[in-house]
């Protein structure tokens, strides 16, 4: 009888401990969820190309870090504990290092083992571009090269966010030019400038500018005139973001004002 009572007490104690532990876990998850909701989707914390909807992304990502390892410009980082449920998931801070598409093949998406960075949409866009190219080019032509149009189509399919101009601080809107290196000699960010046709990424600090009206967000955009143009109206200037903006963030990285006059608002899904 005494042994039965002891077993019963032990059982009740263990049950109470289990309930307390589960409550603590629940509270912990709730706290992490709160942190995630507050911090995950900001202009400093964009998801890499092809990211699926946020709620599915944070649970589907296995935090393997393959996208981090394969990025040629080291734009991708893994979130810390302060980011709550996003802990260990990949993000890009475009002000520090933008995604400039230097890999030319969306390698971060291709290498993702769980498809939270979803490649099918880019594959389809590339295939459609090649099919269109083949209508006017012969496979036997020595200059036959469909890969350029394939790469372009895949890049244009990316939608990490959309750039937004702050007209109050934008140098172009204020009628001002820019001379020098946009982020200073010590800035570590790198990219391939379409203006100079660099075959490989080089430091932003090595690029000198001397413009009567600042237009770095336009000239350095890796997508080009389908993403952003300089809108000229009665002698005034304003960068105009178009539907083709991918949210890659190169414009943000090279913007020379102390607080960037252009930011990328993340997509919601």
C-alpha atoms as a PDB file:
ATOM      1  CA  UNK A   1       0.000   0.000   0.000  1.00  0.00           C
ATOM      2  CA  UNK A   2       2.807   2.374   0.962  1.00  0.00           C
ATOM      3  CA  UNK A   3       4.592   1.559  -2.296  1.00  0.00           C
ATOM      4  CA  UNK A   4       1.429   2.337  -4.285  1.00  0.00           C
ATOM      5  CA  UNK A   5       1.119   5.735  -2.539  1.00  0.00           C
ATOM      6  CA  UNK A   6       4.752   6.564  -3.342  1.00  0.00           C
ATOM      7  CA  UNK A   7       4.269   5.643  -6.985  1.00  0.00           C
ATOM      8  CA  UNK A   8       1.161   7.800  -7.114  1.00  0.00           C
ATOM      9  CA  UNK A   9       3.010  10.771  -5.590  1.00  0.00           C
ATOM     10  CA  UNK A  10       5.898  10.290  -8.046  1.00  0.00           C
ATOM     11  CA  UNK A  11       3.456  10.127 -10.937  1.00  0.00           C
ATOM     12  CA  UNK A  12       1.702  13.334  -9.844  1.00  0.00           C
ATOM     13  CA  UNK A  13       5.037  15.088  -9.356  1.00  0.00           C
ATOM     14  CA  UNK A  14       6.305  14.036 -12.770  1.00  0.00           C
ATOM     15  CA  UNK A  15       3.010  15.138 -14.311  1.00  0.00           C
ATOM     16  CA  UNK A  16       3.275  18.540 -12.645  1.00  0.00           C
ATOM     17  CA  UNK A  17       6.867  18.914 -13.884  1.00  0.00           C
ATOM     18  CA  UNK A  18       5.793  17.964 -17.410  1.00  0.00           C
ATOM     19  CA  UNK A  19       2.942  20.479 -17.405  1.00  0.00           C
ATOM     20  CA  UNK A  20       5.268  23.211 -16.123  1.00  0.00           C
ATOM     21  CA  UNK A  21       7.860  22.334 -18.766  1.00  0.00           C
ATOM     22  CA  UNK A  22       5.274  22.398 -21.542  1.00  0.00           C
ATOM     23  CA  UNK A  23       3.996  25.749 -20.317  1.00  0.00           C
ATOM     24  CA  UNK A  24       7.560  27.110 -20.331  1.00  0.00           C
ATOM     25  CA  UNK A  25       8.115  25.809 -23.850  1.00  0.00           C
ATOM     26  CA  UNK A  26       4.829  27.351 -24.950  1.00  0.00           C
ATOM     27  CA  UNK A  27       5.779  30.679 -23.402  1.00  0.00           C
ATOM     28  CA  UNK A  28       9.199  30.460 -25.045  1.00  0.00           C
ATOM     29  CA  UNK A  29       7.705  29.790 -28.462  1.00  0.00           C
ATOM     30  CA  UNK A  30       5.300  32.669 -27.954  1.00  0.00           C
ATOM     31  CA  UNK A  31       8.167  34.975 -27.052  1.00  0.00           C
ATOM     32  CA  UNK A  32      10.180  33.871 -30.085  1.00  0.00           C
ATOM     33  CA  UNK A  33       7.116  34.380 -32.291  1.00  0.00           C
ATOM     34  CA  UNK A  34       6.749  37.925 -30.956  1.00  0.00           C
ATOM     35  CA  UNK A  35      10.407  38.671 -31.691  1.00  0.00           C
ATOM     36  CA  UNK A  36      10.043  37.196 -35.154  1.00  0.00           C
ATOM     37  CA  UNK A  37       6.958  39.238 -35.994  1.00  0.00           C
ATOM     38  CA  UNK A  38       8.728  42.411 -34.870  1.00  0.00           C
ATOM     39  CA  UNK A  39      12.055  41.843 -36.609  1.00  0.00           C
ATOM     40  CA  UNK A  40      11.799  39.377 -39.479  1.00  0.00           C
ATOM     41  CA  UNK A  41      10.416  41.434 -42.349  1.00  0.00           C
ATOM     42  CA  UNK A  42      12.255  44.743 -42.376  1.00  0.00           C
ATOM     43  CA  UNK A  43      14.371  46.509 -44.976  1.00  0.00           C
ATOM     44  CA  UNK A  44      17.445  45.275 -43.090  1.00  0.00           C
ATOM     45  CA  UNK A  45      16.266  41.683 -43.146  1.00  0.00           C
ATOM     46  CA  UNK A  46      15.207  40.629 -46.643  1.00  0.00           C
ATOM     47  CA  UNK A  47      14.882  36.998 -47.608  1.00  0.00           C
ATOM     48  CA  UNK A  48      17.047  35.669 -50.473  1.00  0.00           C
ATOM     49  CA  UNK A  49      15.558  35.265 -53.961  1.00  0.00           C
ATOM     50  CA  UNK A  50      12.696  32.813 -54.309  1.00  0.00           C
ATOM     51  CA  UNK A  51      11.636  32.804 -50.652  1.00  0.00           C
ATOM     52  CA  UNK A  52       8.159  31.371 -50.109  1.00  0.00           C
ATOM     53  CA  UNK A  53       5.640  32.948 -47.714  1.00  0.00           C
ATOM     54  CA  UNK A  54       7.221  33.907 -44.396  1.00  0.00           C
ATOM     55  CA  UNK A  55       5.249  31.664 -42.038  1.00  0.00           C
ATOM     56  CA  UNK A  56       6.017  28.575 -44.120  1.00  0.00           C
ATOM     57  CA  UNK A  57       9.593  29.693 -44.697  1.00  0.00           C
ATOM     58  CA  UNK A  58      10.611  29.842 -41.029  1.00  0.00           C
ATOM     59  CA  UNK A  59       9.345  26.323 -40.365  1.00  0.00           C
ATOM     60  CA  UNK A  60      10.495  24.787 -43.655  1.00  0.00           C
ATOM     61  CA  UNK A  61      14.058  26.141 -43.609  1.00  0.00           C
ATOM     62  CA  UNK A  62      16.433  23.608 -42.018  1.00  0.00           C
ATOM     63  CA  UNK A  63      19.120  26.246 -41.294  1.00  0.00           C
ATOM     64  CA  UNK A  64      21.713  24.313 -43.309  1.00  0.00           C
ATOM     65  CA  UNK A  65      23.557  27.448 -44.455  1.00  0.00           C
ATOM     66  CA  UNK A  66      24.201  26.188 -47.998  1.00  0.00           C
ATOM     67  CA  UNK A  67      22.851  29.434 -49.469  1.00  0.00           C
ATOM     68  CA  UNK A  68      25.313  31.356 -47.284  1.00  0.00           C
ATOM     69  CA  UNK A  69      28.266  29.272 -48.433  1.00  0.00           C
ATOM     70  CA  UNK A  70      27.515  29.475 -52.149  1.00  0.00           C
ATOM     71  CA  UNK A  71      26.810  33.224 -52.473  1.00  0.00           C
ATOM     72  CA  UNK A  72      29.770  34.753 -54.402  1.00  0.00           C
ATOM     73  CA  UNK A  73      29.393  38.193 -52.786  1.00  0.00           C
ATOM     74  CA  UNK A  74      28.602  36.861 -49.287  1.00  0.00           C
ATOM     75  CA  UNK A  75      25.325  38.756 -49.178  1.00  0.00           C
ATOM     76  CA  UNK A  76      23.461  36.103 -47.200  1.00  0.00           C
ATOM     77  CA  UNK A  77      23.716  35.695 -43.420  1.00  0.00           C
ATOM     78  CA  UNK A  78      21.903  33.617 -40.809  1.00  0.00           C
ATOM     79  CA  UNK A  79      19.602  35.323 -38.313  1.00  0.00           C
ATOM     80  CA  UNK A  80      20.545  35.434 -34.639  1.00  0.00           C
ATOM     81  CA  UNK A  81      18.558  34.553 -31.532  1.00  0.00           C
ATOM     82  CA  UNK A  82      17.163  38.100 -31.295  1.00  0.00           C
ATOM     83  CA  UNK A  83      15.192  37.363 -34.459  1.00  0.00           C
ATOM     84  CA  UNK A  84      13.007  34.848 -32.663  1.00  0.00           C
ATOM     85  CA  UNK A  85      11.613  32.047 -34.812  1.00  0.00           C
ATOM     86  CA  UNK A  86      13.800  33.287 -37.682  1.00  0.00           C
ATOM     87  CA  UNK A  87      16.888  32.118 -35.760  1.00  0.00           C
ATOM     88  CA  UNK A  88      19.257  30.361 -38.149  1.00  0.00           C
ATOM     89  CA  UNK A  89      17.341  31.314 -41.298  1.00  0.00           C
ATOM     90  CA  UNK A  90      18.975  33.278 -44.159  1.00  0.00           C
ATOM     91  CA  UNK A  91      18.548  36.995 -44.673  1.00  0.00           C
ATOM     92  CA  UNK A  92      20.189  39.829 -46.628  1.00  0.00           C
ATOM     93  CA  UNK A  93      20.985  43.303 -45.303  1.00  0.00           C
ATOM     94  CA  UNK A  94      21.209  45.134 -48.623  1.00  0.00           C
ATOM     95  CA  UNK A  95      22.726  48.303 -47.172  1.00  0.00           C
ATOM     96  CA  UNK A  96      25.755  46.287 -46.095  1.00  0.00           C
ATOM     97  CA  UNK A  97      25.902  43.847 -49.030  1.00  0.00           C
ATOM     98  CA  UNK A  98      23.315  43.666 -51.763  1.00  0.00           C
ATOM     99  CA  UNK A  99      22.463  40.701 -53.968  1.00  0.00           C
ATOM    100  CA  UNK A 100      23.953  41.843 -57.290  1.00  0.00           C
ATOM    101  CA  UNK A 101      23.272  38.564 -59.162  1.00  0.00           C
ATOM    102  CA  UNK A 102      27.010  37.937 -59.597  1.00  0.00           C
ATOM    103  CA  UNK A 103      26.366  34.196 -59.603  1.00  0.00           C
ATOM    104  CA  UNK A 104      24.271  34.585 -62.795  1.00  0.00           C
ATOM    105  CA  UNK A 105      22.280  31.470 -61.930  1.00  0.00           C
ATOM    106  CA  UNK A 106      20.552  32.131 -58.593  1.00  0.00           C
ATOM    107  CA  UNK A 107      22.799  29.569 -56.933  1.00  0.00           C
ATOM    108  CA  UNK A 108      21.300  30.172 -53.496  1.00  0.00           C
ATOM    109  CA  UNK A 109      17.932  29.044 -54.836  1.00  0.00           C
ATOM    110  CA  UNK A 110      19.339  26.121 -56.787  1.00  0.00           C
ATOM    111  CA  UNK A 111      21.206  24.780 -53.775  1.00  0.00           C
ATOM    112  CA  UNK A 112      18.300  24.997 -51.298  1.00  0.00           C
ATOM    113  CA  UNK A 113      17.430  21.395 -50.299  1.00  0.00           C
ATOM    114  CA  UNK A 114      13.949  22.177 -48.973  1.00  0.00           C
ATOM    115  CA  UNK A 115      12.592  24.512 -51.688  1.00  0.00           C
ATOM    116  CA  UNK A 116      11.815  27.300 -49.212  1.00  0.00           C
ATOM    117  CA  UNK A 117      13.851  29.156 -51.812  1.00  0.00           C
ATOM    118  CA  UNK A 118      11.680  28.015 -54.699  1.00  0.00           C
ATOM    119  CA  UNK A 119      13.496  27.456 -57.988  1.00  0.00           C
ATOM    120  CA  UNK A 120      10.710  26.258 -60.302  1.00  0.00           C
ATOM    121  CA  UNK A 121       9.526  29.757 -61.195  1.00  0.00           C
ATOM    122  CA  UNK A 122      13.020  30.774 -62.307  1.00  0.00           C
ATOM    123  CA  UNK A 123      13.576  27.552 -64.224  1.00  0.00           C
ATOM    124  CA  UNK A 124      10.332  28.102 -66.093  1.00  0.00           C
ATOM    125  CA  UNK A 125      11.205  31.721 -66.922  1.00  0.00           C
ATOM    126  CA  UNK A 126      14.591  30.615 -68.273  1.00  0.00           C
ATOM    127  CA  UNK A 127      13.076  27.867 -70.389  1.00  0.00           C
ATOM    128  CA  UNK A 128      10.510  30.251 -71.865  1.00  0.00           C
ATOM    129  CA  UNK A 129      13.242  32.771 -72.717  1.00  0.00           C
ATOM    130  CA  UNK A 130      15.283  30.087 -74.500  1.00  0.00           C
ATOM    131  CA  UNK A 131      12.231  28.920 -76.467  1.00  0.00           C
ATOM    132  CA  UNK A 132      11.619  32.490 -77.613  1.00  0.00           C
ATOM    133  CA  UNK A 133      15.305  32.919 -78.481  1.00  0.00           C
ATOM    134  CA  UNK A 134      15.259  29.730 -80.572  1.00  0.00           C
ATOM    135  CA  UNK A 135      12.512  31.144 -82.768  1.00  0.00           C
ATOM    136  CA  UNK A 136      14.993  33.581 -84.319  1.00  0.00           C
ATOM    137  CA  UNK A 137      18.333  31.796 -83.807  1.00  0.00           C
ATOM    138  CA  UNK A 138      19.691  28.586 -85.255  1.00  0.00           C
ATOM    139  CA  UNK A 139      21.369  25.973 -83.092  1.00  0.00           C
ATOM    140  CA  UNK A 140      23.965  25.545 -85.868  1.00  0.00           C
ATOM    141  CA  UNK A 141      24.890  29.234 -85.790  1.00  0.00           C
ATOM    142  CA  UNK A 142      28.438  29.631 -84.361  1.00  0.00           C
ATOM    143  CA  UNK A 143      27.194  32.610 -82.313  1.00  0.00           C
ATOM    144  CA  UNK A 144      24.295  30.638 -80.832  1.00  0.00           C
ATOM    145  CA  UNK A 145      24.163  31.445 -77.110  1.00  0.00           C
ATOM    146  CA  UNK A 146      20.787  31.299 -75.364  1.00  0.00           C
ATOM    147  CA  UNK A 147      22.268  31.522 -71.898  1.00  0.00           C
ATOM    148  CA  UNK A 148      22.341  35.324 -71.787  1.00  0.00           C
ATOM    149  CA  UNK A 149      18.605  35.581 -72.334  1.00  0.00           C
ATOM    150  CA  UNK A 150      18.031  32.711 -69.904  1.00  0.00           C
ATOM    151  CA  UNK A 151      20.046  34.414 -67.158  1.00  0.00           C
ATOM    152  CA  UNK A 152      18.320  37.753 -67.782  1.00  0.00           C
ATOM    153  CA  UNK A 153      14.863  36.181 -67.607  1.00  0.00           C
ATOM    154  CA  UNK A 154      15.685  34.360 -64.368  1.00  0.00           C
ATOM    155  CA  UNK A 155      17.000  37.537 -62.709  1.00  0.00           C
ATOM    156  CA  UNK A 156      13.955  39.530 -63.759  1.00  0.00           C
ATOM    157  CA  UNK A 157      11.688  36.963 -62.106  1.00  0.00           C
ATOM    158  CA  UNK A 158      13.158  37.705 -58.651  1.00  0.00           C
ATOM    159  CA  UNK A 159      10.985  39.714 -56.260  1.00  0.00           C
ATOM    160  CA  UNK A 160      12.595  40.165 -52.847  1.00  0.00           C
ATOM    161  CA  UNK A 161      10.964  43.554 -52.441  1.00  0.00           C
ATOM    162  CA  UNK A 162      10.547  46.908 -54.126  1.00  0.00           C
ATOM    163  CA  UNK A 163      12.688  50.014 -53.878  1.00  0.00           C
ATOM    164  CA  UNK A 164      11.121  53.179 -52.453  1.00  0.00           C
ATOM    165  CA  UNK A 165      12.669  56.651 -52.860  1.00  0.00           C
ATOM    166  CA  UNK A 166      12.809  59.190 -50.017  1.00  0.00           C
ATOM    167  CA  UNK A 167      12.281  62.418 -51.946  1.00  0.00           C
ATOM    168  CA  UNK A 168      13.219  64.582 -48.949  1.00  0.00           C
ATOM    169  CA  UNK A 169      16.830  63.366 -48.893  1.00  0.00           C
ATOM    170  CA  UNK A 170      17.413  62.141 -52.474  1.00  0.00           C
ATOM    171  CA  UNK A 171      20.210  64.158 -54.089  1.00  0.00           C
ATOM    172  CA  UNK A 172      18.637  63.933 -57.550  1.00  0.00           C
ATOM    173  CA  UNK A 173      15.308  65.301 -56.349  1.00  0.00           C
ATOM    174  CA  UNK A 174      17.177  68.128 -54.635  1.00  0.00           C
ATOM    175  CA  UNK A 175      19.008  68.889 -57.874  1.00  0.00           C
ATOM    176  CA  UNK A 176      22.409  67.854 -56.520  1.00  0.00           C
ATOM    177  CA  UNK A 177      25.183  65.764 -57.996  1.00  0.00           C
ATOM    178  CA  UNK A 178      27.729  63.509 -56.380  1.00  0.00           C
ATOM    179  CA  UNK A 179      31.499  63.240 -56.568  1.00  0.00           C
ATOM    180  CA  UNK A 180      33.667  60.567 -54.960  1.00  0.00           C
ATOM    181  CA  UNK A 181      33.106  57.072 -53.623  1.00  0.00           C
ATOM    182  CA  UNK A 182      29.524  56.636 -52.421  1.00  0.00           C
ATOM    183  CA  UNK A 183      30.160  54.821 -49.123  1.00  0.00           C
ATOM    184  CA  UNK A 184      33.697  55.878 -48.270  1.00  0.00           C
ATOM    185  CA  UNK A 185      37.064  54.182 -48.661  1.00  0.00           C
ATOM    186  CA  UNK A 186      36.485  51.716 -45.821  1.00  0.00           C
ATOM    187  CA  UNK A 187      33.195  50.270 -47.058  1.00  0.00           C
ATOM    188  CA  UNK A 188      33.507  46.521 -47.738  1.00  0.00           C
ATOM    189  CA  UNK A 189      30.544  45.943 -50.064  1.00  0.00           C
ATOM    190  CA  UNK A 190      31.211  44.588 -53.566  1.00  0.00           C
ATOM    191  CA  UNK A 191      29.247  44.367 -56.813  1.00  0.00           C
ATOM    192  CA  UNK A 192      29.465  44.139 -60.601  1.00  0.00           C
ATOM    193  CA  UNK A 193      28.811  47.539 -62.068  1.00  0.00           C
ATOM    194  CA  UNK A 194      26.780  47.437 -65.304  1.00  0.00           C
ATOM    195  CA  UNK A 195      28.102  50.926 -66.019  1.00  0.00           C
ATOM    196  CA  UNK A 196      31.675  49.700 -66.296  1.00  0.00           C
ATOM    197  CA  UNK A 197      30.886  46.174 -67.477  1.00  0.00           C
ATOM    198  CA  UNK A 198      32.942  44.550 -64.729  1.00  0.00           C
ATOM    199  CA  UNK A 199      33.163  40.774 -65.340  1.00  0.00           C
ATOM    200  CA  UNK A 200      33.646  40.160 -61.610  1.00  0.00           C
ATOM    201  CA  UNK A 201      32.456  41.965 -58.493  1.00  0.00           C
ATOM    202  CA  UNK A 202      34.736  44.704 -57.197  1.00  0.00           C
ATOM    203  CA  UNK A 203      34.598  46.891 -54.066  1.00  0.00           C
ATOM    204  CA  UNK A 204      32.194  49.815 -54.059  1.00  0.00           C
ATOM    205  CA  UNK A 205      35.098  51.803 -52.603  1.00  0.00           C
ATOM    206  CA  UNK A 206      36.978  51.432 -55.904  1.00  0.00           C
ATOM    207  CA  UNK A 207      34.220  53.107 -57.925  1.00  0.00           C
ATOM    208  CA  UNK A 208      34.590  56.860 -58.378  1.00  0.00           C
ATOM    209  CA  UNK A 209      31.649  58.988 -59.490  1.00  0.00           C
ATOM    210  CA  UNK A 210      31.347  62.552 -60.713  1.00  0.00           C
ATOM    211  CA  UNK A 211      27.761  63.335 -61.650  1.00  0.00           C
ATOM    212  CA  UNK A 212      26.048  66.675 -62.194  1.00  0.00           C
ATOM    213  CA  UNK A 213      22.837  65.057 -60.957  1.00  0.00           C
ATOM    214  CA  UNK A 214      23.210  61.984 -58.763  1.00  0.00           C
ATOM    215  CA  UNK A 215      21.938  58.912 -60.600  1.00  0.00           C
ATOM    216  CA  UNK A 216      23.814  56.033 -58.974  1.00  0.00           C
ATOM    217  CA  UNK A 217      20.638  54.100 -58.214  1.00  0.00           C
ATOM    218  CA  UNK A 218      19.875  54.101 -61.939  1.00  0.00           C
ATOM    219  CA  UNK A 219      23.298  53.508 -63.508  1.00  0.00           C
ATOM    220  CA  UNK A 220      24.317  50.774 -61.059  1.00  0.00           C
ATOM    221  CA  UNK A 221      21.081  48.758 -61.154  1.00  0.00           C
ATOM    222  CA  UNK A 222      21.841  45.220 -62.404  1.00  0.00           C
ATOM    223  CA  UNK A 223      18.365  44.913 -63.936  1.00  0.00           C
ATOM    224  CA  UNK A 224      18.335  48.220 -65.807  1.00  0.00           C
ATOM    225  CA  UNK A 225      15.594  50.338 -67.292  1.00  0.00           C
ATOM    226  CA  UNK A 226      12.804  47.871 -66.570  1.00  0.00           C
ATOM    227  CA  UNK A 227      13.511  48.339 -62.851  1.00  0.00           C
ATOM    228  CA  UNK A 228      14.412  52.003 -62.368  1.00  0.00           C
ATOM    229  CA  UNK A 229      14.840  55.106 -64.541  1.00  0.00           C
ATOM    230  CA  UNK A 230      15.521  58.783 -63.981  1.00  0.00           C
ATOM    231  CA  UNK A 231      12.284  60.649 -64.530  1.00  0.00           C
ATOM    232  CA  UNK A 232      12.979  64.127 -65.925  1.00  0.00           C
ATOM    233  CA  UNK A 233      10.145  66.628 -65.805  1.00  0.00           C
ATOM    234  CA  UNK A 234      10.529  70.385 -66.417  1.00  0.00           C
ATOM    235  CA  UNK A 235      14.140  70.385 -65.330  1.00  0.00           C
ATOM    236  CA  UNK A 236      13.542  68.354 -62.164  1.00  0.00           C
ATOM    237  CA  UNK A 237      14.788  64.823 -61.592  1.00  0.00           C
ATOM    238  CA  UNK A 238      13.432  61.865 -59.674  1.00  0.00           C
ATOM    239  CA  UNK A 239      14.382  58.188 -59.649  1.00  0.00           C
ATOM    240  CA  UNK A 240      11.300  56.272 -60.735  1.00  0.00           C
ATOM    241  CA  UNK A 241      10.981  52.667 -59.590  1.00  0.00           C
ATOM    242  CA  UNK A 242       9.203  50.413 -62.088  1.00  0.00           C
ATOM    243  CA  UNK A 243       7.477  47.044 -61.868  1.00  0.00           C
ATOM    244  CA  UNK A 244      10.688  45.296 -62.917  1.00  0.00           C
ATOM    245  CA  UNK A 245      12.405  46.140 -59.612  1.00  0.00           C
ATOM    246  CA  UNK A 246      13.564  42.893 -58.001  1.00  0.00           C
ATOM    247  CA  UNK A 247      14.456  44.314 -54.596  1.00  0.00           C
ATOM    248  CA  UNK A 248      18.090  43.235 -55.019  1.00  0.00           C
ATOM    249  CA  UNK A 249      19.209  46.308 -53.074  1.00  0.00           C
ATOM    250  CA  UNK A 250      22.208  47.433 -55.134  1.00  0.00           C
ATOM    251  CA  UNK A 251      20.670  50.913 -55.298  1.00  0.00           C
ATOM    252  CA  UNK A 252      20.486  50.968 -51.494  1.00  0.00           C
ATOM    253  CA  UNK A 253      24.085  49.801 -51.114  1.00  0.00           C
ATOM    254  CA  UNK A 254      25.538  52.475 -53.411  1.00  0.00           C
ATOM    255  CA  UNK A 255      23.295  55.373 -52.322  1.00  0.00           C
ATOM    256  CA  UNK A 256      25.715  58.086 -51.111  1.00  0.00           C
ATOM    257  CA  UNK A 257      23.519  59.860 -48.545  1.00  0.00           C
ATOM    258  CA  UNK A 258      24.264  59.037 -44.909  1.00  0.00           C
ATOM    259  CA  UNK A 259      20.864  57.483 -44.453  1.00  0.00           C
ATOM    260  CA  UNK A 260      20.032  55.815 -47.770  1.00  0.00           C
ATOM    261  CA  UNK A 261      17.574  57.841 -49.819  1.00  0.00           C
ATOM    262  CA  UNK A 262      16.239  54.654 -51.332  1.00  0.00           C
ATOM    263  CA  UNK A 263      15.257  51.538 -49.388  1.00  0.00           C
ATOM    264  CA  UNK A 264      13.763  48.168 -50.258  1.00  0.00           C
ATOM    265  CA  UNK A 265      10.398  47.338 -48.764  1.00  0.00           C
ATOM    266  CA  UNK A 266      10.140  43.536 -48.473  1.00  0.00           C
ATOM    267  CA  UNK A 267       7.438  41.564 -50.210  1.00  0.00           C
ATOM    268  CA  UNK A 268       4.764  40.237 -47.887  1.00  0.00           C
ATOM    269  CA  UNK A 269       4.678  36.745 -49.369  1.00  0.00           C
END
